[in-house]
Amino acid sequence: MFIKAISYDKNHLRNITYVVIACASSLPNAQIAYSVLLLDILNKVQILGQVISVISDNIVGLGSVGILFLVLLYLYAFFAFTYVRTDYRQNFNTGSNDYQNHAPVSPGGTYNMDCSTLINCLMSTSSFGMRSGGGIGDALWQRFESDEYYQFRWMFDFSFFMIINVILMNIFFGIIIDSFADKRQGAADIMKEVEGQCFICGISKSKFEIENISWADHVYTEHNLHAYLSFIIYVQGKNMSECSGVEKWVKKCLDDDNIDFFPINQCSMIRNGEELD
């Protein structure tokens, strides 16, 4: 039953995780784990929970774009490692440009880049290329027109900025923004249906206005949602042998996941309960 409760209600799993983290925080030098418990704000604030749901709902699309990011970054790192690795130098405020025998990064340094190996080149390209406003070209040492591979560097810097920083980043953000827009539209549609349509019969509020019938009397008296819910709970808890004919029929419908007992598109206030189109 415990495992079944966890599978049906994620709150149980979350609470167990919090207990484990709290217990782990009592270990030596593990007090930092307490800060993880602050992530409970994602569960307390609804809008933050929607942020997580947006990511989880679009995990396939975001993951696909992320893989494309990695592939393109690897290609750029490979080209850089092959042709312009010397441009990945530690940049000091003093203007030092010694690549082979550079000193440790000084506190006044602006970039700490390394392209001595392919993996280091990939890490530098990913880190500084994604975080620089103008792409990787903002972080690399600039070449003069007379230098070798000047044209290659121009194409390298410009294509990196256009493909990685402009196109792919906007695709990534576009997926998230579109998902937020879809969720907002979905919530608005649900709210519109809740406020403008009877939950029991499904007849719209405008239909009652056309027939000059009170909408409030219908939803609060004739088709009161809470009255239907109370009746369903009452029937479910009643023994079949003690039920009346109507109650037996409703109870059987509930057992069969059937909603035929709901007066769908029917209301006694309109055309004496005749089913509407």
C-alpha atoms as a PDB file:
ATOM      1  CA  MET A   1       0.000   0.000   0.000  1.00  0.00           C
ATOM      2  CA  PHE A   2       2.907   2.306   0.759  1.00  0.00           C
ATOM      3  CA  ILE A   3       4.468   1.774  -2.681  1.00  0.00           C
ATOM      4  CA  LYS A   4       1.076   2.145  -4.333  1.00  0.00           C
ATOM      5  CA  ALA A   5       0.492   5.426  -2.497  1.00  0.00           C
ATOM      6  CA  ILE A   6       3.843   6.749  -3.773  1.00  0.00           C
ATOM      7  CA  SER A   7       3.015   5.759  -7.354  1.00  0.00           C
ATOM      8  CA  TYR A   8      -0.378   7.497  -7.226  1.00  0.00           C
ATOM      9  CA  ASP A   9       0.607  10.592  -5.248  1.00  0.00           C
ATOM     10  CA  LYS A  10       3.920  12.301  -5.928  1.00  0.00           C
ATOM     11  CA  ASN A  11       3.568  14.279  -2.706  1.00  0.00           C
ATOM     12  CA  HIS A  12       4.492  11.144  -0.762  1.00  0.00           C
ATOM     13  CA  LEU A  13       7.715  10.724  -2.739  1.00  0.00           C
ATOM     14  CA  ARG A  14       8.542  14.395  -2.276  1.00  0.00           C
ATOM     15  CA  ASN A  15       7.992  14.212   1.477  1.00  0.00           C
ATOM     16  CA  ILE A  16      10.152  11.085   1.754  1.00  0.00           C
ATOM     17  CA  THR A  17      12.891  12.868  -0.197  1.00  0.00           C
ATOM     18  CA  TYR A  18      12.728  15.810   2.220  1.00  0.00           C
ATOM     19  CA  VAL A  19      13.036  13.457   5.197  1.00  0.00           C
ATOM     20  CA  VAL A  20      16.074  11.746   3.657  1.00  0.00           C
ATOM     21  CA  ILE A  21      17.733  15.113   2.946  1.00  0.00           C
ATOM     22  CA  ALA A  22      17.006  16.332   6.471  1.00  0.00           C
ATOM     23  CA  CYS A  23      18.537  13.170   7.947  1.00  0.00           C
ATOM     24  CA  ALA A  24      21.569  13.447   5.667  1.00  0.00           C
ATOM     25  CA  SER A  25      22.091  17.031   6.822  1.00  0.00           C
ATOM     26  CA  SER A  26      22.924  15.754  10.306  1.00  0.00           C
ATOM     27  CA  LEU A  27      26.071  14.108   8.962  1.00  0.00           C
ATOM     28  CA  PRO A  28      29.422  15.912   9.412  1.00  0.00           C
ATOM     29  CA  ASN A  29      30.040  18.698   6.874  1.00  0.00           C
ATOM     30  CA  ALA A  30      26.657  18.017   5.248  1.00  0.00           C
ATOM     31  CA  GLN A  31      24.676  20.923   6.691  1.00  0.00           C
ATOM     32  CA  ILE A  32      24.555  22.483   3.235  1.00  0.00           C
ATOM     33  CA  ALA A  33      21.892  19.899   2.393  1.00  0.00           C
ATOM     34  CA  TYR A  34      19.450  21.961   4.468  1.00  0.00           C
ATOM     35  CA  SER A  35      19.494  24.588   1.720  1.00  0.00           C
ATOM     36  CA  VAL A  36      18.045  22.039  -0.718  1.00  0.00           C
ATOM     37  CA  LEU A  37      14.853  22.014   1.349  1.00  0.00           C
ATOM     38  CA  LEU A  38      14.251  25.597   0.239  1.00  0.00           C
ATOM     39  CA  LEU A  39      13.273  24.146  -3.151  1.00  0.00           C
ATOM     40  CA  ASP A  40       9.925  23.361  -1.555  1.00  0.00           C
ATOM     41  CA  ILE A  41       8.955  26.840  -2.737  1.00  0.00           C
ATOM     42  CA  LEU A  42       8.365  25.199  -6.139  1.00  0.00           C
ATOM     43  CA  ASN A  43       5.506  23.295  -4.533  1.00  0.00           C
ATOM     44  CA  LYS A  44       4.171  26.208  -2.498  1.00  0.00           C
ATOM     45  CA  VAL A  45       4.038  28.800  -5.285  1.00  0.00           C
ATOM     46  CA  GLN A  46       1.823  27.710  -8.161  1.00  0.00           C
ATOM     47  CA  ILE A  47       3.480  29.806 -10.850  1.00  0.00           C
ATOM     48  CA  LEU A  48       6.874  28.268 -10.029  1.00  0.00           C
ATOM     49  CA  GLY A  49       5.366  24.814 -10.273  1.00  0.00           C
ATOM     50  CA  GLN A  50       4.201  25.711 -13.763  1.00  0.00           C
ATOM     51  CA  VAL A  51       7.795  26.531 -14.695  1.00  0.00           C
ATOM     52  CA  ILE A  52       8.841  23.004 -13.782  1.00  0.00           C
ATOM     53  CA  SER A  53       5.858  21.540 -15.635  1.00  0.00           C
ATOM     54  CA  VAL A  54       6.797  23.529 -18.748  1.00  0.00           C
ATOM     55  CA  ILE A  55      10.261  21.972 -18.711  1.00  0.00           C
ATOM     56  CA  SER A  56       8.974  18.463 -18.006  1.00  0.00           C
ATOM     57  CA  ASP A  57       6.263  18.705 -20.688  1.00  0.00           C
ATOM     58  CA  ASN A  58       8.810  19.775 -23.311  1.00  0.00           C
ATOM     59  CA  ILE A  59      11.681  17.573 -22.189  1.00  0.00           C
ATOM     60  CA  VAL A  60      11.880  15.888 -25.616  1.00  0.00           C
ATOM     61  CA  GLY A  61      12.026  19.144 -27.577  1.00  0.00           C
ATOM     62  CA  LEU A  62      14.421  20.836 -25.179  1.00  0.00           C
ATOM     63  CA  GLY A  63      16.587  17.727 -25.036  1.00  0.00           C
ATOM     64  CA  SER A  64      16.746  17.548 -28.833  1.00  0.00           C
ATOM     65  CA  VAL A  65      17.811  21.181 -29.064  1.00  0.00           C
ATOM     66  CA  GLY A  66      20.352  20.565 -26.293  1.00  0.00           C
ATOM     67  CA  ILE A  67      21.868  17.660 -28.227  1.00  0.00           C
ATOM     68  CA  LEU A  68      22.094  19.867 -31.319  1.00  0.00           C
ATOM     69  CA  PHE A  69      23.839  22.471 -29.150  1.00  0.00           C
ATOM     70  CA  LEU A  70      26.433  19.917 -28.061  1.00  0.00           C
ATOM     71  CA  VAL A  71      27.026  18.685 -31.603  1.00  0.00           C
ATOM     72  CA  LEU A  72      27.550  22.179 -33.015  1.00  0.00           C
ATOM     73  CA  LEU A  73      29.710  23.259 -30.094  1.00  0.00           C
ATOM     74  CA  TYR A  74      31.866  20.173 -30.620  1.00  0.00           C
ATOM     75  CA  LEU A  75      32.242  21.010 -34.309  1.00  0.00           C
ATOM     76  CA  TYR A  76      33.273  24.579 -33.527  1.00  0.00           C
ATOM     77  CA  ALA A  77      35.679  23.358 -30.850  1.00  0.00           C
ATOM     78  CA  PHE A  78      37.173  20.882 -33.318  1.00  0.00           C
ATOM     79  CA  PHE A  79      37.723  23.570 -35.952  1.00  0.00           C
ATOM     80  CA  ALA A  80      39.171  25.900 -33.329  1.00  0.00           C
ATOM     81  CA  PHE A  81      41.507  23.194 -32.020  1.00  0.00           C
ATOM     82  CA  THR A  82      42.691  22.473 -35.555  1.00  0.00           C
ATOM     83  CA  TYR A  83      43.215  26.005 -36.890  1.00  0.00           C
ATOM     84  CA  VAL A  84      43.058  28.773 -34.274  1.00  0.00           C
ATOM     85  CA  ARG A  85      43.880  27.151 -30.944  1.00  0.00           C
ATOM     86  CA  THR A  86      46.437  29.864 -30.180  1.00  0.00           C
ATOM     87  CA  ASP A  87      43.613  32.416 -30.043  1.00  0.00           C
ATOM     88  CA  TYR A  88      42.300  30.660 -26.920  1.00  0.00           C
ATOM     89  CA  ARG A  89      44.700  32.424 -24.575  1.00  0.00           C
ATOM     90  CA  GLN A  90      44.376  33.670 -21.062  1.00  0.00           C
ATOM     91  CA  ASN A  91      43.498  37.335 -21.293  1.00  0.00           C
ATOM     92  CA  PHE A  92      45.097  39.646 -18.744  1.00  0.00           C
ATOM     93  CA  ASN A  93      44.526  43.323 -18.130  1.00  0.00           C
ATOM     94  CA  THR A  94      48.274  43.686 -18.510  1.00  0.00           C
ATOM     95  CA  GLY A  95      48.018  42.661 -22.157  1.00  0.00           C
ATOM     96  CA  SER A  96      50.135  39.531 -21.846  1.00  0.00           C
ATOM     97  CA  ASN A  97      49.647  37.198 -24.813  1.00  0.00           C
ATOM     98  CA  ASP A  98      52.089  34.402 -24.009  1.00  0.00           C
ATOM     99  CA  TYR A  99      50.166  31.195 -24.709  1.00  0.00           C
ATOM    100  CA  GLN A 100      52.766  28.528 -24.052  1.00  0.00           C
ATOM    101  CA  ASN A 101      54.274  29.870 -20.816  1.00  0.00           C
ATOM    102  CA  HIS A 102      51.483  31.951 -19.328  1.00  0.00           C
ATOM    103  CA  ALA A 103      51.395  32.623 -15.634  1.00  0.00           C
ATOM    104  CA  PRO A 104      48.426  31.692 -13.430  1.00  0.00           C
ATOM    105  CA  VAL A 105      45.368  33.836 -13.893  1.00  0.00           C
ATOM    106  CA  SER A 106      45.677  37.081 -12.034  1.00  0.00           C
ATOM    107  CA  PRO A 107      42.771  38.600 -10.104  1.00  0.00           C
ATOM    108  CA  GLY A 108      42.521  41.246 -12.776  1.00  0.00           C
ATOM    109  CA  GLY A 109      42.154  38.767 -15.642  1.00  0.00           C
ATOM    110  CA  THR A 110      39.007  38.731 -17.751  1.00  0.00           C
ATOM    111  CA  TYR A 111      39.129  35.315 -19.463  1.00  0.00           C
ATOM    112  CA  ASN A 112      40.682  31.995 -18.523  1.00  0.00           C
ATOM    113  CA  MET A 113      40.637  29.995 -21.750  1.00  0.00           C
ATOM    114  CA  ASP A 114      42.524  26.917 -22.818  1.00  0.00           C
ATOM    115  CA  CYS A 115      42.579  25.016 -26.103  1.00  0.00           C
ATOM    116  CA  SER A 116      45.637  22.840 -25.507  1.00  0.00           C
ATOM    117  CA  THR A 117      43.452  19.720 -25.762  1.00  0.00           C
ATOM    118  CA  LEU A 118      40.202  19.085 -27.599  1.00  0.00           C
ATOM    119  CA  ILE A 119      38.212  18.624 -24.398  1.00  0.00           C
ATOM    120  CA  ASN A 120      39.579  21.871 -22.952  1.00  0.00           C
ATOM    121  CA  CYS A 121      38.788  23.609 -26.215  1.00  0.00           C
ATOM    122  CA  LEU A 122      35.231  22.291 -26.066  1.00  0.00           C
ATOM    123  CA  MET A 123      34.831  23.485 -22.476  1.00  0.00           C
ATOM    124  CA  SER A 124      36.169  26.954 -23.287  1.00  0.00           C
ATOM    125  CA  THR A 125      34.053  27.265 -26.415  1.00  0.00           C
ATOM    126  CA  SER A 126      30.919  26.179 -24.570  1.00  0.00           C
ATOM    127  CA  SER A 127      31.493  28.346 -21.517  1.00  0.00           C
ATOM    128  CA  PHE A 128      32.622  31.609 -23.051  1.00  0.00           C
ATOM    129  CA  GLY A 129      30.811  31.237 -26.378  1.00  0.00           C
ATOM    130  CA  MET A 130      27.409  30.807 -24.729  1.00  0.00           C
ATOM    131  CA  ARG A 131      27.933  33.512 -22.103  1.00  0.00           C
ATOM    132  CA  SER A 132      29.490  36.184 -24.295  1.00  0.00           C
ATOM    133  CA  GLY A 133      27.034  38.610 -25.848  1.00  0.00           C
ATOM    134  CA  GLY A 134      28.735  38.515 -29.250  1.00  0.00           C
ATOM    135  CA  GLY A 135      29.576  34.829 -29.218  1.00  0.00           C
ATOM    136  CA  ILE A 136      32.975  33.195 -28.903  1.00  0.00           C
ATOM    137  CA  GLY A 137      34.561  36.003 -30.928  1.00  0.00           C
ATOM    138  CA  ASP A 138      34.206  38.378 -27.971  1.00  0.00           C
ATOM    139  CA  ALA A 139      36.401  36.138 -25.827  1.00  0.00           C
ATOM    140  CA  LEU A 140      39.141  35.234 -28.335  1.00  0.00           C
ATOM    141  CA  TRP A 141      42.214  37.216 -29.198  1.00  0.00           C
ATOM    142  CA  GLN A 142      41.588  39.268 -32.324  1.00  0.00           C
ATOM    143  CA  ARG A 143      43.677  38.793 -35.482  1.00  0.00           C
ATOM    144  CA  PHE A 144      44.924  41.456 -37.858  1.00  0.00           C
ATOM    145  CA  GLU A 145      43.958  41.329 -41.504  1.00  0.00           C
ATOM    146  CA  SER A 146      47.478  40.271 -42.431  1.00  0.00           C
ATOM    147  CA  ASP A 147      47.414  37.297 -40.033  1.00  0.00           C
ATOM    148  CA  GLU A 148      46.976  33.723 -41.166  1.00  0.00           C
ATOM    149  CA  TYR A 149      43.422  32.377 -40.937  1.00  0.00           C
ATOM    150  CA  TYR A 150      42.012  35.906 -40.634  1.00  0.00           C
ATOM    151  CA  GLN A 151      39.174  35.093 -43.052  1.00  0.00           C
ATOM    152  CA  PHE A 152      38.579  31.800 -41.285  1.00  0.00           C
ATOM    153  CA  ARG A 153      38.321  33.598 -37.917  1.00  0.00           C
ATOM    154  CA  TRP A 154      35.842  36.066 -39.385  1.00  0.00           C
ATOM    155  CA  MET A 155      33.602  33.250 -40.621  1.00  0.00           C
ATOM    156  CA  PHE A 156      34.169  31.290 -37.418  1.00  0.00           C
ATOM    157  CA  ASP A 157      33.139  34.170 -35.140  1.00  0.00           C
ATOM    158  CA  PHE A 158      30.225  35.361 -37.273  1.00  0.00           C
ATOM    159  CA  SER A 159      28.710  31.902 -37.903  1.00  0.00           C
ATOM    160  CA  PHE A 160      29.049  30.990 -34.214  1.00  0.00           C
ATOM    161  CA  PHE A 161      27.164  34.122 -33.197  1.00  0.00           C
ATOM    162  CA  MET A 162      24.392  33.638 -35.772  1.00  0.00           C
ATOM    163  CA  ILE A 163      23.896  29.877 -35.352  1.00  0.00           C
ATOM    164  CA  ILE A 164      24.518  29.362 -31.634  1.00  0.00           C
ATOM    165  CA  ASN A 165      23.744  32.683 -29.954  1.00  0.00           C
ATOM    166  CA  VAL A 166      20.915  33.850 -32.211  1.00  0.00           C
ATOM    167  CA  ILE A 167      19.157  30.945 -33.930  1.00  0.00           C
ATOM    168  CA  LEU A 168      19.520  28.032 -31.506  1.00  0.00           C
ATOM    169  CA  MET A 169      19.141  30.127 -28.371  1.00  0.00           C
ATOM    170  CA  ASN A 170      15.933  31.642 -29.736  1.00  0.00           C
ATOM    171  CA  ILE A 171      14.647  28.193 -30.677  1.00  0.00           C
ATOM    172  CA  PHE A 172      15.344  27.019 -27.124  1.00  0.00           C
ATOM    173  CA  PHE A 173      13.636  30.039 -25.562  1.00  0.00           C
ATOM    174  CA  GLY A 174      10.823  29.867 -28.121  1.00  0.00           C
ATOM    175  CA  ILE A 175       9.887  26.342 -27.021  1.00  0.00           C
ATOM    176  CA  ILE A 176       9.611  27.507 -23.410  1.00  0.00           C
ATOM    177  CA  ILE A 177       7.707  30.706 -24.247  1.00  0.00           C
ATOM    178  CA  ASP A 178       5.267  28.870 -26.530  1.00  0.00           C
ATOM    179  CA  SER A 179       4.647  26.316 -23.805  1.00  0.00           C
ATOM    180  CA  PHE A 180       3.855  29.091 -21.326  1.00  0.00           C
ATOM    181  CA  ALA A 181       1.484  30.649 -23.849  1.00  0.00           C
ATOM    182  CA  ASP A 182      -0.259  27.301 -24.424  1.00  0.00           C
ATOM    183  CA  LYS A 183      -0.660  26.732 -20.677  1.00  0.00           C
ATOM    184  CA  ARG A 184      -2.018  30.241 -20.203  1.00  0.00           C
ATOM    185  CA  GLN A 185      -4.466  29.763 -23.070  1.00  0.00           C
ATOM    186  CA  GLY A 186      -5.502  26.383 -21.718  1.00  0.00           C
ATOM    187  CA  ALA A 187      -6.131  27.841 -18.270  1.00  0.00           C
ATOM    188  CA  ALA A 188      -8.161  30.665 -19.832  1.00  0.00           C
ATOM    189  CA  ASP A 189     -10.249  28.164 -21.828  1.00  0.00           C
ATOM    190  CA  ILE A 190     -10.926  26.115 -18.704  1.00  0.00           C
ATOM    191  CA  MET A 191     -11.930  29.200 -16.750  1.00  0.00           C
ATOM    192  CA  LYS A 192     -14.189  30.340 -19.594  1.00  0.00           C
ATOM    193  CA  GLU A 193     -15.880  26.936 -19.667  1.00  0.00           C
ATOM    194  CA  VAL A 194     -16.270  26.846 -15.884  1.00  0.00           C
ATOM    195  CA  GLU A 195     -17.826  30.297 -15.761  1.00  0.00           C
ATOM    196  CA  GLY A 196     -19.916  30.080 -18.945  1.00  0.00           C
ATOM    197  CA  GLN A 197     -21.085  26.482 -19.084  1.00  0.00           C
ATOM    198  CA  CYS A 198     -23.031  24.266 -16.687  1.00  0.00           C
ATOM    199  CA  PHE A 199     -20.793  21.516 -15.348  1.00  0.00           C
ATOM    200  CA  ILE A 200     -23.702  19.057 -15.127  1.00  0.00           C
ATOM    201  CA  CYS A 201     -25.602  19.459 -18.388  1.00  0.00           C
ATOM    202  CA  GLY A 202     -23.022  21.339 -20.468  1.00  0.00           C
ATOM    203  CA  ILE A 203     -25.489  23.983 -21.654  1.00  0.00           C
ATOM    204  CA  SER A 204     -23.880  27.391 -22.140  1.00  0.00           C
ATOM    205  CA  LYS A 205     -24.813  30.462 -20.158  1.00  0.00           C
ATOM    206  CA  SER A 206     -25.747  32.305 -23.352  1.00  0.00           C
ATOM    207  CA  LYS A 207     -28.485  29.725 -24.022  1.00  0.00           C
ATOM    208  CA  PHE A 208     -30.176  30.601 -20.724  1.00  0.00           C
ATOM    209  CA  GLU A 209     -29.883  34.299 -21.508  1.00  0.00           C
ATOM    210  CA  ILE A 210     -31.586  33.717 -24.873  1.00  0.00           C
ATOM    211  CA  GLU A 211     -34.390  31.780 -23.176  1.00  0.00           C
ATOM    212  CA  ASN A 212     -34.629  34.507 -20.495  1.00  0.00           C
ATOM    213  CA  ILE A 213     -33.991  31.977 -17.712  1.00  0.00           C
ATOM    214  CA  SER A 214     -31.969  32.739 -14.603  1.00  0.00           C
ATOM    215  CA  TRP A 215     -28.481  31.247 -14.868  1.00  0.00           C
ATOM    216  CA  ALA A 216     -27.950  31.486 -11.107  1.00  0.00           C
ATOM    217  CA  ASP A 217     -31.122  29.505 -10.370  1.00  0.00           C
ATOM    218  CA  HIS A 218     -29.979  26.798 -12.734  1.00  0.00           C
ATOM    219  CA  VAL A 219     -26.411  26.293 -11.458  1.00  0.00           C
ATOM    220  CA  TYR A 220     -27.208  26.804  -7.779  1.00  0.00           C
ATOM    221  CA  THR A 221     -30.585  25.064  -7.571  1.00  0.00           C
ATOM    222  CA  GLU A 222     -31.493  22.752 -10.433  1.00  0.00           C
ATOM    223  CA  HIS A 223     -28.015  21.515 -11.388  1.00  0.00           C
ATOM    224  CA  ASN A 224     -26.095  22.201  -8.219  1.00  0.00           C
ATOM    225  CA  LEU A 225     -22.650  20.649  -8.536  1.00  0.00           C
ATOM    226  CA  HIS A 226     -22.279  19.983  -4.819  1.00  0.00           C
ATOM    227  CA  ALA A 227     -25.686  18.312  -4.667  1.00  0.00           C
ATOM    228  CA  TYR A 228     -24.687  15.907  -7.438  1.00  0.00           C
ATOM    229  CA  LEU A 229     -21.384  15.186  -5.717  1.00  0.00           C
ATOM    230  CA  SER A 230     -23.136  14.522  -2.411  1.00  0.00           C
ATOM    231  CA  PHE A 231     -25.565  12.155  -4.117  1.00  0.00           C
ATOM    232  CA  ILE A 232     -22.716  10.245  -5.802  1.00  0.00           C
ATOM    233  CA  ILE A 233     -20.875   9.858  -2.496  1.00  0.00           C
ATOM    234  CA  TYR A 234     -24.120   8.763  -0.824  1.00  0.00           C
ATOM    235  CA  VAL A 235     -24.840   6.126  -3.495  1.00  0.00           C
ATOM    236  CA  GLN A 236     -21.300   4.781  -3.503  1.00  0.00           C
ATOM    237  CA  GLY A 237     -21.385   4.237   0.249  1.00  0.00           C
ATOM    238  CA  LYS A 238     -24.818   2.572   0.243  1.00  0.00           C
ATOM    239  CA  ASN A 239     -25.354  -1.153   0.025  1.00  0.00           C
ATOM    240  CA  MET A 240     -26.889  -2.296  -3.259  1.00  0.00           C
ATOM    241  CA  SER A 241     -29.705  -4.151  -1.485  1.00  0.00           C
ATOM    242  CA  GLU A 242     -30.766  -0.955   0.266  1.00  0.00           C
ATOM    243  CA  CYS A 243     -30.805   1.216  -2.866  1.00  0.00           C
ATOM    244  CA  SER A 244     -33.920   2.299  -4.698  1.00  0.00           C
ATOM    245  CA  GLY A 245     -34.325   1.677  -8.418  1.00  0.00           C
ATOM    246  CA  VAL A 246     -32.775   4.971  -9.447  1.00  0.00           C
ATOM    247  CA  GLU A 247     -29.971   4.600  -6.925  1.00  0.00           C
ATOM    248  CA  LYS A 248     -29.177   1.091  -8.196  1.00  0.00           C
ATOM    249  CA  TRP A 249     -28.979   2.416 -11.747  1.00  0.00           C
ATOM    250  CA  VAL A 250     -26.684   5.281 -10.737  1.00  0.00           C
ATOM    251  CA  LYS A 251     -24.535   2.950  -8.651  1.00  0.00           C
ATOM    252  CA  LYS A 252     -24.152   0.552 -11.592  1.00  0.00           C
ATOM    253  CA  CYS A 253     -23.248   3.446 -13.902  1.00  0.00           C
ATOM    254  CA  LEU A 254     -20.574   4.573 -11.446  1.00  0.00           C
ATOM    255  CA  ASP A 255     -19.152   1.051 -11.231  1.00  0.00           C
ATOM    256  CA  ASP A 256     -19.011   0.913 -15.048  1.00  0.00           C
ATOM    257  CA  ASP A 257     -17.476   4.416 -15.336  1.00  0.00           C
ATOM    258  CA  ASN A 258     -20.622   5.496 -17.170  1.00  0.00           C
ATOM    259  CA  ILE A 259     -22.084   9.012 -16.935  1.00  0.00           C
ATOM    260  CA  ASP A 260     -25.431   8.326 -18.610  1.00  0.00           C
ATOM    261  CA  PHE A 261     -27.213   9.450 -15.444  1.00  0.00           C
ATOM    262  CA  PHE A 262     -26.045  13.016 -16.054  1.00  0.00           C
ATOM    263  CA  PRO A 263     -28.631  15.125 -17.946  1.00  0.00           C
ATOM    264  CA  ILE A 264     -26.267  16.048 -20.751  1.00  0.00           C
ATOM    265  CA  ASN A 265     -27.720  18.863 -22.909  1.00  0.00           C
ATOM    266  CA  GLN A 266     -30.972  18.562 -20.970  1.00  0.00           C
ATOM    267  CA  CYS A 267     -32.609  20.984 -18.551  1.00  0.00           C
ATOM    268  CA  SER A 268     -36.182  21.043 -17.228  1.00  0.00           C
ATOM    269  CA  MET A 269     -36.194  24.847 -17.418  1.00  0.00           C
ATOM    270  CA  ILE A 270     -35.677  24.757 -21.186  1.00  0.00           C
ATOM    271  CA  ARG A 271     -38.271  22.991 -23.359  1.00  0.00           C
ATOM    272  CA  ASN A 272     -39.334  20.734 -20.493  1.00  0.00           C
ATOM    273  CA  GLY A 273     -36.078  18.822 -20.442  1.00  0.00           C
ATOM    274  CA  GLU A 274     -35.921  18.121 -24.155  1.00  0.00           C
ATOM    275  CA  GLU A 275     -32.382  17.353 -25.303  1.00  0.00           C
ATOM    276  CA  LEU A 276     -30.819  20.341 -27.015  1.00  0.00           C
ATOM    277  CA  ASP A 277     -28.565  20.318 -30.049  1.00  0.00           C
END
